[in-house]
Amino acid sequence: MTNQYPYPPTELKAPEGTNPYTPWIWLIVVLPLVVALPALGIDWGSLVDLTDTTGMSALGIYANPLYWVMLLGGWVAYGLNAWFAYLDWRELQRRGVPKPFHFAWVFLSSGVYPIGRSVVVRRRTGTGIAPMWATIATLVLSFALGMYIVALTMVSIFEQMAMYSV
């Protein structure tokens, strides 16, 4: 059987010893946790009042400045993640990594770019998988924080139900 390609395919390998880690990838990994930190300062249980027949207690979250820090911080982090992904992608190209994972994948989610980037960079350099594991850890921590907030809120609801059922 003959080769169907007029030229042999080139191997996509970075120069030997290429450092796959940039400061930008680590900022992308850490930024979601920084934005979520204000959630720890909100008293989630106080936002639920079962005796409120007007529904105004449900709006209490909007009076909390930490909520606004999280909300606005999320939008800022989204933009910064896009900028950092572009800088990371450009730096990998500058270092000689052929066809690095495209930075535009960051627009799907803050976790897509570091995971895809790590897989591609590892194929090209033989190393560089740490941002993937750090991103997975960040996603797990974010999920745990969300479950913690749900648990605090549920405890408050059950305590109020117990008080008013007597």
N, C-alpha and C. Protein backbone atom coordinates (compact mmCIF):
# COMPACT_ATOMS: atom_id res chain seq x y z
N MET A 1 0.84 -1.17 0.00
CA MET A 1 0.00 0.00 0.00
C MET A 1 0.89 1.24 0.00
N THR A 2 0.55 2.21 -0.81
CA THR A 2 1.37 3.41 -0.92
C THR A 2 0.87 4.49 0.01
N ASN A 3 1.76 5.41 0.29
CA ASN A 3 1.42 6.56 1.13
C ASN A 3 0.50 7.49 0.34
N GLN A 4 -0.62 7.85 0.91
CA GLN A 4 -1.59 8.70 0.22
C GLN A 4 -1.24 10.18 0.33
N TYR A 5 -0.30 10.52 1.19
CA TYR A 5 0.06 11.91 1.38
C TYR A 5 1.31 12.25 0.58
N PRO A 6 1.32 13.39 -0.10
CA PRO A 6 2.51 13.75 -0.87
C PRO A 6 3.70 14.08 0.03
N TYR A 7 3.41 14.52 1.26
CA TYR A 7 4.48 14.84 2.20
C TYR A 7 4.20 14.10 3.50
N PRO A 8 5.22 13.65 4.18
CA PRO A 8 4.96 12.99 5.47
C PRO A 8 4.40 14.00 6.48
N PRO A 9 3.45 13.56 7.31
CA PRO A 9 2.89 14.49 8.30
C PRO A 9 3.97 14.92 9.29
N THR A 10 3.91 16.18 9.67
CA THR A 10 4.89 16.68 10.63
C THR A 10 4.44 16.34 12.04
N GLU A 11 5.39 16.07 12.87
CA GLU A 11 5.08 15.77 14.26
C GLU A 11 4.97 17.08 15.03
N LEU A 12 3.89 17.24 15.76
CA LEU A 12 3.65 18.47 16.50
C LEU A 12 4.34 18.39 17.87
N LYS A 13 5.59 18.73 17.90
CA LYS A 13 6.36 18.70 19.14
C LYS A 13 7.01 20.05 19.36
N ALA A 14 6.99 20.49 20.61
CA ALA A 14 7.67 21.72 20.99
C ALA A 14 9.16 21.44 21.12
N PRO A 15 9.99 22.48 21.07
CA PRO A 15 11.43 22.27 21.26
C PRO A 15 11.70 21.61 22.62
N GLU A 16 12.71 20.80 22.65
CA GLU A 16 13.08 20.09 23.89
C GLU A 16 13.29 21.11 25.02
N GLY A 17 12.74 20.79 26.18
CA GLY A 17 12.91 21.64 27.37
C GLY A 17 11.97 22.83 27.43
N THR A 18 10.96 22.89 26.56
CA THR A 18 10.01 24.00 26.59
C THR A 18 9.23 23.98 27.90
N ASN A 19 9.21 25.11 28.58
CA ASN A 19 8.45 25.23 29.83
C ASN A 19 6.98 25.47 29.49
N PRO A 20 6.08 24.56 29.86
CA PRO A 20 4.68 24.70 29.49
C PRO A 20 3.88 25.60 30.44
N TYR A 21 4.48 26.04 31.52
CA TYR A 21 3.74 26.80 32.53
C TYR A 21 3.98 28.29 32.36
N THR A 22 2.89 29.02 32.27
CA THR A 22 2.96 30.48 32.22
C THR A 22 2.22 31.02 33.44
N PRO A 23 2.49 32.25 33.84
CA PRO A 23 1.71 32.82 34.95
C PRO A 23 0.23 32.92 34.61
N TRP A 24 -0.08 33.07 33.32
CA TRP A 24 -1.46 33.28 32.90
C TRP A 24 -2.33 32.06 33.16
N ILE A 25 -1.79 30.88 32.95
CA ILE A 25 -2.61 29.68 33.18
C ILE A 25 -2.95 29.53 34.65
N TRP A 26 -2.01 29.91 35.51
CA TRP A 26 -2.28 29.78 36.95
C TRP A 26 -3.30 30.82 37.41
N LEU A 27 -3.28 32.00 36.80
CA LEU A 27 -4.31 33.00 37.13
C LEU A 27 -5.69 32.51 36.71
N ILE A 28 -5.76 31.86 35.56
CA ILE A 28 -7.05 31.31 35.09
C ILE A 28 -7.56 30.25 36.06
N VAL A 29 -6.66 29.44 36.59
CA VAL A 29 -7.04 28.37 37.50
C VAL A 29 -7.54 28.93 38.83
N VAL A 30 -6.88 29.95 39.36
CA VAL A 30 -7.16 30.46 40.71
C VAL A 30 -8.31 31.47 40.74
N LEU A 31 -8.51 32.20 39.66
CA LEU A 31 -9.48 33.29 39.66
C LEU A 31 -10.90 32.89 40.09
N PRO A 32 -11.44 31.75 39.67
CA PRO A 32 -12.79 31.40 40.13
C PRO A 32 -12.90 31.25 41.66
N LEU A 33 -11.85 30.77 42.29
CA LEU A 33 -11.87 30.66 43.76
C LEU A 33 -11.85 32.03 44.42
N VAL A 34 -11.08 32.94 43.86
CA VAL A 34 -10.99 34.29 44.42
C VAL A 34 -12.37 34.96 44.36
N VAL A 35 -13.05 34.78 43.26
CA VAL A 35 -14.38 35.38 43.09
C VAL A 35 -15.40 34.76 44.05
N ALA A 36 -15.23 33.48 44.36
CA ALA A 36 -16.19 32.78 45.23
C ALA A 36 -15.96 33.06 46.72
N LEU A 37 -14.80 33.57 47.09
CA LEU A 37 -14.50 33.79 48.51
C LEU A 37 -15.52 34.66 49.26
N PRO A 38 -16.06 35.73 48.66
CA PRO A 38 -17.06 36.51 49.41
C PRO A 38 -18.28 35.70 49.83
N ALA A 39 -18.56 34.60 49.18
CA ALA A 39 -19.71 33.77 49.56
C ALA A 39 -19.56 33.26 50.98
N LEU A 40 -18.33 33.12 51.46
CA LEU A 40 -18.12 32.65 52.83
C LEU A 40 -18.50 33.69 53.87
N GLY A 41 -18.59 34.96 53.47
CA GLY A 41 -18.94 36.02 54.41
C GLY A 41 -20.42 36.33 54.48
N ILE A 42 -21.22 35.69 53.68
CA ILE A 42 -22.66 35.94 53.67
C ILE A 42 -23.34 34.98 54.63
N ASP A 43 -24.24 35.52 55.46
CA ASP A 43 -25.02 34.69 56.38
C ASP A 43 -26.23 34.16 55.61
N TRP A 44 -26.04 33.02 54.97
CA TRP A 44 -27.06 32.48 54.08
C TRP A 44 -28.32 32.07 54.84
N GLY A 45 -28.16 31.59 56.06
CA GLY A 45 -29.32 31.17 56.84
C GLY A 45 -30.26 32.32 57.19
N SER A 46 -29.72 33.52 57.34
CA SER A 46 -30.56 34.67 57.70
C SER A 46 -31.39 35.17 56.51
N LEU A 47 -31.12 34.67 55.35
CA LEU A 47 -31.86 35.11 54.17
C LEU A 47 -33.19 34.39 54.00
N VAL A 48 -33.43 33.42 54.87
CA VAL A 48 -34.68 32.65 54.79
C VAL A 48 -35.52 32.97 56.02
N ASP A 49 -36.73 33.50 55.79
CA ASP A 49 -37.65 33.80 56.88
C ASP A 49 -39.01 33.24 56.50
N LEU A 50 -39.36 32.12 57.14
CA LEU A 50 -40.63 31.46 56.79
C LEU A 50 -41.85 32.22 57.29
N THR A 51 -41.67 33.18 58.20
CA THR A 51 -42.81 33.95 58.70
C THR A 51 -43.11 35.15 57.81
N ASP A 52 -42.25 35.44 56.89
CA ASP A 52 -42.43 36.59 56.00
C ASP A 52 -43.46 36.24 54.93
N THR A 53 -44.63 36.83 55.02
CA THR A 53 -45.68 36.56 54.05
C THR A 53 -45.59 37.48 52.83
N THR A 54 -44.75 38.51 52.92
CA THR A 54 -44.61 39.45 51.80
C THR A 54 -43.58 38.98 50.78
N GLY A 55 -42.69 38.09 51.19
CA GLY A 55 -41.64 37.63 50.29
C GLY A 55 -40.43 38.55 50.25
N MET A 56 -40.43 39.55 51.11
CA MET A 56 -39.34 40.53 51.10
C MET A 56 -38.03 39.95 51.65
N SER A 57 -38.10 38.94 52.50
CA SER A 57 -36.87 38.37 53.05
C SER A 57 -36.04 37.70 51.95
N ALA A 58 -36.71 37.24 50.92
CA ALA A 58 -35.99 36.62 49.81
C ALA A 58 -35.16 37.63 49.04
N LEU A 59 -35.49 38.90 49.19
CA LEU A 59 -34.74 39.95 48.50
C LEU A 59 -33.56 40.45 49.33
N GLY A 60 -33.39 39.91 50.52
CA GLY A 60 -32.32 40.36 51.41
C GLY A 60 -30.93 40.19 50.83
N ILE A 61 -30.75 39.22 49.98
CA ILE A 61 -29.43 38.99 49.38
C ILE A 61 -28.97 40.21 48.59
N TYR A 62 -29.91 40.96 48.01
CA TYR A 62 -29.55 42.11 47.19
C TYR A 62 -29.05 43.29 48.02
N ALA A 63 -29.30 43.27 49.31
CA ALA A 63 -28.82 44.33 50.19
C ALA A 63 -27.42 44.01 50.73
N ASN A 64 -26.95 42.82 50.47
CA ASN A 64 -25.64 42.42 50.99
C ASN A 64 -24.54 42.83 50.00
N PRO A 65 -23.58 43.65 50.45
CA PRO A 65 -22.51 44.09 49.54
C PRO A 65 -21.64 42.93 49.04
N LEU A 66 -21.51 41.88 49.84
CA LEU A 66 -20.70 40.74 49.40
C LEU A 66 -21.33 40.04 48.19
N TYR A 67 -22.65 40.06 48.13
CA TYR A 67 -23.33 39.50 46.96
C TYR A 67 -22.93 40.27 45.71
N TRP A 68 -22.92 41.59 45.81
CA TRP A 68 -22.57 42.43 44.66
C TRP A 68 -21.09 42.27 44.29
N VAL A 69 -20.24 42.08 45.29
CA VAL A 69 -18.82 41.82 45.01
C VAL A 69 -18.69 40.53 44.22
N MET A 70 -19.43 39.50 44.64
CA MET A 70 -19.39 38.23 43.90
C MET A 70 -19.94 38.38 42.49
N LEU A 71 -21.08 39.05 42.37
CA LEU A 71 -21.72 39.20 41.07
C LEU A 71 -20.84 39.98 40.10
N LEU A 72 -20.39 41.14 40.52
CA LEU A 72 -19.54 41.96 39.65
C LEU A 72 -18.18 41.30 39.45
N GLY A 73 -17.68 40.66 40.49
CA GLY A 73 -16.40 39.95 40.39
C GLY A 73 -16.47 38.82 39.38
N GLY A 74 -17.61 38.18 39.27
CA GLY A 74 -17.78 37.11 38.28
C GLY A 74 -17.66 37.64 36.86
N TRP A 75 -18.26 38.80 36.60
CA TRP A 75 -18.17 39.39 35.26
C TRP A 75 -16.75 39.85 34.96
N VAL A 76 -16.11 40.44 35.96
CA VAL A 76 -14.72 40.87 35.77
C VAL A 76 -13.82 39.65 35.54
N ALA A 77 -14.05 38.59 36.31
CA ALA A 77 -13.25 37.37 36.16
C ALA A 77 -13.46 36.74 34.79
N TYR A 78 -14.66 36.80 34.27
CA TYR A 78 -14.93 36.25 32.94
C TYR A 78 -14.07 36.96 31.89
N GLY A 79 -14.06 38.29 31.96
CA GLY A 79 -13.24 39.07 31.03
C GLY A 79 -11.75 38.83 31.24
N LEU A 80 -11.32 38.78 32.50
CA LEU A 80 -9.91 38.54 32.78
C LEU A 80 -9.49 37.15 32.31
N ASN A 81 -10.35 36.16 32.51
CA ASN A 81 -10.03 34.80 32.04
C ASN A 81 -9.82 34.79 30.53
N ALA A 82 -10.65 35.51 29.80
CA ALA A 82 -10.49 35.57 28.34
C ALA A 82 -9.15 36.23 27.99
N TRP A 83 -8.83 37.32 28.66
CA TRP A 83 -7.57 38.02 28.40
C TRP A 83 -6.37 37.15 28.78
N PHE A 84 -6.44 36.50 29.95
CA PHE A 84 -5.33 35.65 30.39
C PHE A 84 -5.16 34.45 29.46
N ALA A 85 -6.27 33.89 28.97
CA ALA A 85 -6.17 32.75 28.05
C ALA A 85 -5.49 33.17 26.76
N TYR A 86 -5.84 34.36 26.27
CA TYR A 86 -5.18 34.85 25.07
C TYR A 86 -3.68 35.04 25.31
N LEU A 87 -3.31 35.64 26.45
CA LEU A 87 -1.89 35.85 26.76
C LEU A 87 -1.16 34.52 26.91
N ASP A 88 -1.81 33.54 27.52
CA ASP A 88 -1.21 32.22 27.68
C ASP A 88 -1.00 31.56 26.33
N TRP A 89 -2.02 31.60 25.49
CA TRP A 89 -1.96 31.01 24.15
C TRP A 89 -0.84 31.64 23.33
N ARG A 90 -0.75 32.97 23.40
CA ARG A 90 0.30 33.70 22.67
C ARG A 90 1.69 33.35 23.19
N GLU A 91 1.81 33.22 24.52
CA GLU A 91 3.10 32.87 25.12
C GLU A 91 3.52 31.46 24.73
N LEU A 92 2.58 30.52 24.69
CA LEU A 92 2.91 29.16 24.26
C LEU A 92 3.41 29.16 22.82
N GLN A 93 2.77 29.94 21.97
CA GLN A 93 3.23 30.04 20.59
C GLN A 93 4.64 30.62 20.54
N ARG A 94 4.89 31.65 21.34
CA ARG A 94 6.20 32.28 21.37
C ARG A 94 7.27 31.30 21.83
N ARG A 95 6.90 30.40 22.72
CA ARG A 95 7.85 29.40 23.23
C ARG A 95 8.06 28.25 22.25
N GLY A 96 7.30 28.23 21.18
CA GLY A 96 7.50 27.20 20.16
C GLY A 96 6.57 26.01 20.25
N VAL A 97 5.51 26.12 21.05
CA VAL A 97 4.52 25.03 21.13
C VAL A 97 3.65 25.12 19.88
N PRO A 98 3.69 24.11 19.01
CA PRO A 98 2.89 24.17 17.78
C PRO A 98 1.41 23.93 18.05
N LYS A 99 0.59 24.74 17.44
CA LYS A 99 -0.87 24.62 17.54
C LYS A 99 -1.36 24.40 18.97
N PRO A 100 -1.10 25.35 19.88
CA PRO A 100 -1.63 25.18 21.24
C PRO A 100 -3.15 25.27 21.24
N PHE A 101 -3.75 24.76 22.28
CA PHE A 101 -5.21 24.79 22.44
C PHE A 101 -5.67 26.24 22.33
N HIS A 102 -6.65 26.48 21.50
CA HIS A 102 -7.05 27.87 21.22
C HIS A 102 -7.69 28.53 22.44
N PHE A 103 -7.33 29.78 22.66
CA PHE A 103 -7.79 30.52 23.83
C PHE A 103 -9.29 30.75 23.83
N ALA A 104 -9.96 30.74 22.68
CA ALA A 104 -11.39 31.04 22.62
C ALA A 104 -12.24 30.00 23.36
N TRP A 105 -11.68 28.84 23.66
CA TRP A 105 -12.43 27.83 24.41
C TRP A 105 -12.77 28.33 25.82
N VAL A 106 -12.07 29.33 26.31
CA VAL A 106 -12.34 29.85 27.65
C VAL A 106 -13.73 30.47 27.73
N PHE A 107 -14.30 30.87 26.59
CA PHE A 107 -15.63 31.48 26.62
C PHE A 107 -16.73 30.49 27.00
N LEU A 108 -16.48 29.20 26.85
CA LEU A 108 -17.48 28.20 27.26
C LEU A 108 -17.56 28.10 28.77
N SER A 109 -16.41 28.09 29.42
CA SER A 109 -16.35 27.96 30.87
C SER A 109 -14.90 28.18 31.29
N SER A 110 -14.72 28.62 32.52
CA SER A 110 -13.35 28.85 32.98
C SER A 110 -12.57 27.55 33.11
N GLY A 111 -13.25 26.41 33.13
CA GLY A 111 -12.57 25.13 33.26
C GLY A 111 -12.18 24.48 31.94
N VAL A 112 -12.83 24.87 30.84
CA VAL A 112 -12.58 24.22 29.57
C VAL A 112 -11.17 24.51 29.06
N TYR A 113 -10.78 25.78 29.09
CA TYR A 113 -9.47 26.12 28.53
C TYR A 113 -8.31 25.46 29.28
N PRO A 114 -8.24 25.55 30.61
CA PRO A 114 -7.08 24.93 31.27
C PRO A 114 -6.99 23.42 31.09
N ILE A 115 -8.14 22.75 31.03
CA ILE A 115 -8.13 21.30 30.86
C ILE A 115 -7.68 20.94 29.44
N GLY A 116 -8.31 21.56 28.44
CA GLY A 116 -7.93 21.29 27.06
C GLY A 116 -6.50 21.71 26.77
N ARG A 117 -6.11 22.82 27.30
CA ARG A 117 -4.75 23.32 27.11
C ARG A 117 -3.73 22.35 27.70
N SER A 118 -4.02 21.83 28.89
CA SER A 118 -3.10 20.90 29.54
C SER A 118 -2.91 19.63 28.72
N VAL A 119 -4.00 19.11 28.17
CA VAL A 119 -3.92 17.89 27.36
C VAL A 119 -3.07 18.14 26.12
N VAL A 120 -3.33 19.25 25.42
CA VAL A 120 -2.59 19.55 24.20
C VAL A 120 -1.13 19.84 24.51
N VAL A 121 -0.87 20.63 25.55
CA VAL A 121 0.51 20.97 25.90
C VAL A 121 1.29 19.72 26.30
N ARG A 122 0.63 18.81 26.98
CA ARG A 122 1.32 17.57 27.37
C ARG A 122 1.70 16.76 26.14
N ARG A 123 0.82 16.73 25.16
CA ARG A 123 1.14 16.02 23.91
C ARG A 123 2.31 16.67 23.18
N ARG A 124 2.40 17.99 23.28
CA ARG A 124 3.44 18.72 22.54
C ARG A 124 4.78 18.76 23.27
N THR A 125 4.74 18.80 24.63
CA THR A 125 5.97 18.97 25.40
C THR A 125 6.34 17.77 26.25
N GLY A 126 5.38 16.89 26.51
CA GLY A 126 5.63 15.75 27.39
C GLY A 126 5.36 16.05 28.85
N THR A 127 5.00 17.29 29.15
CA THR A 127 4.71 17.71 30.52
C THR A 127 3.68 18.83 30.48
N GLY A 128 3.26 19.30 31.64
CA GLY A 128 2.33 20.43 31.66
C GLY A 128 0.91 20.08 32.01
N ILE A 129 0.68 18.97 32.70
CA ILE A 129 -0.67 18.53 33.01
C ILE A 129 -1.19 19.12 34.34
N ALA A 130 -0.31 19.73 35.13
CA ALA A 130 -0.69 20.24 36.46
C ALA A 130 -1.87 21.21 36.43
N PRO A 131 -1.97 22.14 35.47
CA PRO A 131 -3.14 23.04 35.47
C PRO A 131 -4.46 22.29 35.34
N MET A 132 -4.46 21.15 34.66
CA MET A 132 -5.69 20.37 34.54
C MET A 132 -6.13 19.88 35.91
N TRP A 133 -5.20 19.31 36.66
CA TRP A 133 -5.55 18.80 37.99
C TRP A 133 -5.92 19.92 38.94
N ALA A 134 -5.23 21.06 38.82
CA ALA A 134 -5.58 22.20 39.67
C ALA A 134 -6.97 22.73 39.33
N THR A 135 -7.32 22.72 38.05
CA THR A 135 -8.66 23.16 37.63
C THR A 135 -9.73 22.21 38.15
N ILE A 136 -9.46 20.92 38.06
CA ILE A 136 -10.42 19.94 38.58
C ILE A 136 -10.60 20.14 40.09
N ALA A 137 -9.51 20.38 40.80
CA ALA A 137 -9.59 20.64 42.25
C ALA A 137 -10.40 21.91 42.52
N THR A 138 -10.21 22.93 41.70
CA THR A 138 -10.96 24.17 41.84
C THR A 138 -12.45 23.93 41.62
N LEU A 139 -12.77 23.14 40.62
CA LEU A 139 -14.18 22.83 40.35
C LEU A 139 -14.81 22.05 41.50
N VAL A 140 -14.06 21.12 42.07
CA VAL A 140 -14.55 20.34 43.21
C VAL A 140 -14.76 21.25 44.42
N LEU A 141 -13.80 22.15 44.67
CA LEU A 141 -13.94 23.10 45.79
C LEU A 141 -15.14 24.02 45.59
N SER A 142 -15.35 24.47 44.37
CA SER A 142 -16.50 25.33 44.08
C SER A 142 -17.81 24.58 44.32
N PHE A 143 -17.85 23.33 43.90
CA PHE A 143 -19.04 22.51 44.14
C PHE A 143 -19.26 22.32 45.65
N ALA A 144 -18.18 22.06 46.38
CA ALA A 144 -18.28 21.88 47.83
C ALA A 144 -18.78 23.16 48.49
N LEU A 145 -18.31 24.31 48.03
CA LEU A 145 -18.78 25.59 48.58
C LEU A 145 -20.27 25.75 48.32
N GLY A 146 -20.71 25.41 47.12
CA GLY A 146 -22.14 25.49 46.81
C GLY A 146 -22.97 24.57 47.70
N MET A 147 -22.48 23.37 47.96
CA MET A 147 -23.20 22.43 48.83
C MET A 147 -23.22 22.93 50.28
N TYR A 148 -22.13 23.58 50.69
CA TYR A 148 -22.07 24.17 52.03
C TYR A 148 -23.13 25.26 52.18
N ILE A 149 -23.27 26.09 51.17
CA ILE A 149 -24.28 27.16 51.20
C ILE A 149 -25.68 26.56 51.23
N VAL A 150 -25.92 25.54 50.44
CA VAL A 150 -27.23 24.87 50.45
C VAL A 150 -27.50 24.27 51.82
N ALA A 151 -26.49 23.64 52.42
CA ALA A 151 -26.67 23.03 53.76
C ALA A 151 -27.00 24.09 54.80
N LEU A 152 -26.30 25.23 54.78
CA LEU A 152 -26.60 26.30 55.73
C LEU A 152 -28.03 26.80 55.58
N THR A 153 -28.45 26.96 54.34
CA THR A 153 -29.80 27.45 54.08
C THR A 153 -30.84 26.42 54.53
N MET A 154 -30.60 25.16 54.26
CA MET A 154 -31.54 24.11 54.66
C MET A 154 -31.63 24.00 56.18
N VAL A 155 -30.51 24.12 56.87
CA VAL A 155 -30.53 24.07 58.34
C VAL A 155 -31.41 25.20 58.87
N SER A 156 -31.26 26.38 58.32
CA SER A 156 -32.09 27.51 58.75
C SER A 156 -33.58 27.24 58.50
N ILE A 157 -33.90 26.67 57.35
CA ILE A 157 -35.30 26.37 57.04
C ILE A 157 -35.85 25.33 58.01
N PHE A 158 -35.09 24.27 58.27
CA PHE A 158 -35.57 23.23 59.18
C PHE A 158 -35.70 23.74 60.61
N GLU A 159 -34.79 24.61 61.03
CA GLU A 159 -34.90 25.18 62.37
C GLU A 159 -36.16 26.02 62.49
N GLN A 160 -36.46 26.81 61.46
CA GLN A 160 -37.66 27.63 61.50
C GLN A 160 -38.91 26.76 61.44
N MET A 161 -38.87 25.71 60.67
CA MET A 161 -40.03 24.80 60.61
C MET A 161 -40.28 24.15 61.96
N ALA A 162 -39.22 23.78 62.65
CA ALA A 162 -39.35 23.16 63.97
C ALA A 162 -39.92 24.15 64.97
N MET A 163 -39.48 25.43 64.88
CA MET A 163 -39.97 26.43 65.82
C MET A 163 -41.45 26.71 65.62
N TYR A 164 -41.90 26.77 64.37
CA TYR A 164 -43.28 27.16 64.10
C TYR A 164 -44.25 25.99 64.04
N SER A 165 -43.74 24.79 64.12
CA SER A 165 -44.64 23.64 64.09
C SER A 165 -45.16 23.27 65.46
N VAL A 166 -44.58 23.86 66.50
CA VAL A 166 -44.98 23.55 67.87
C VAL A 166 -46.28 24.21 68.24
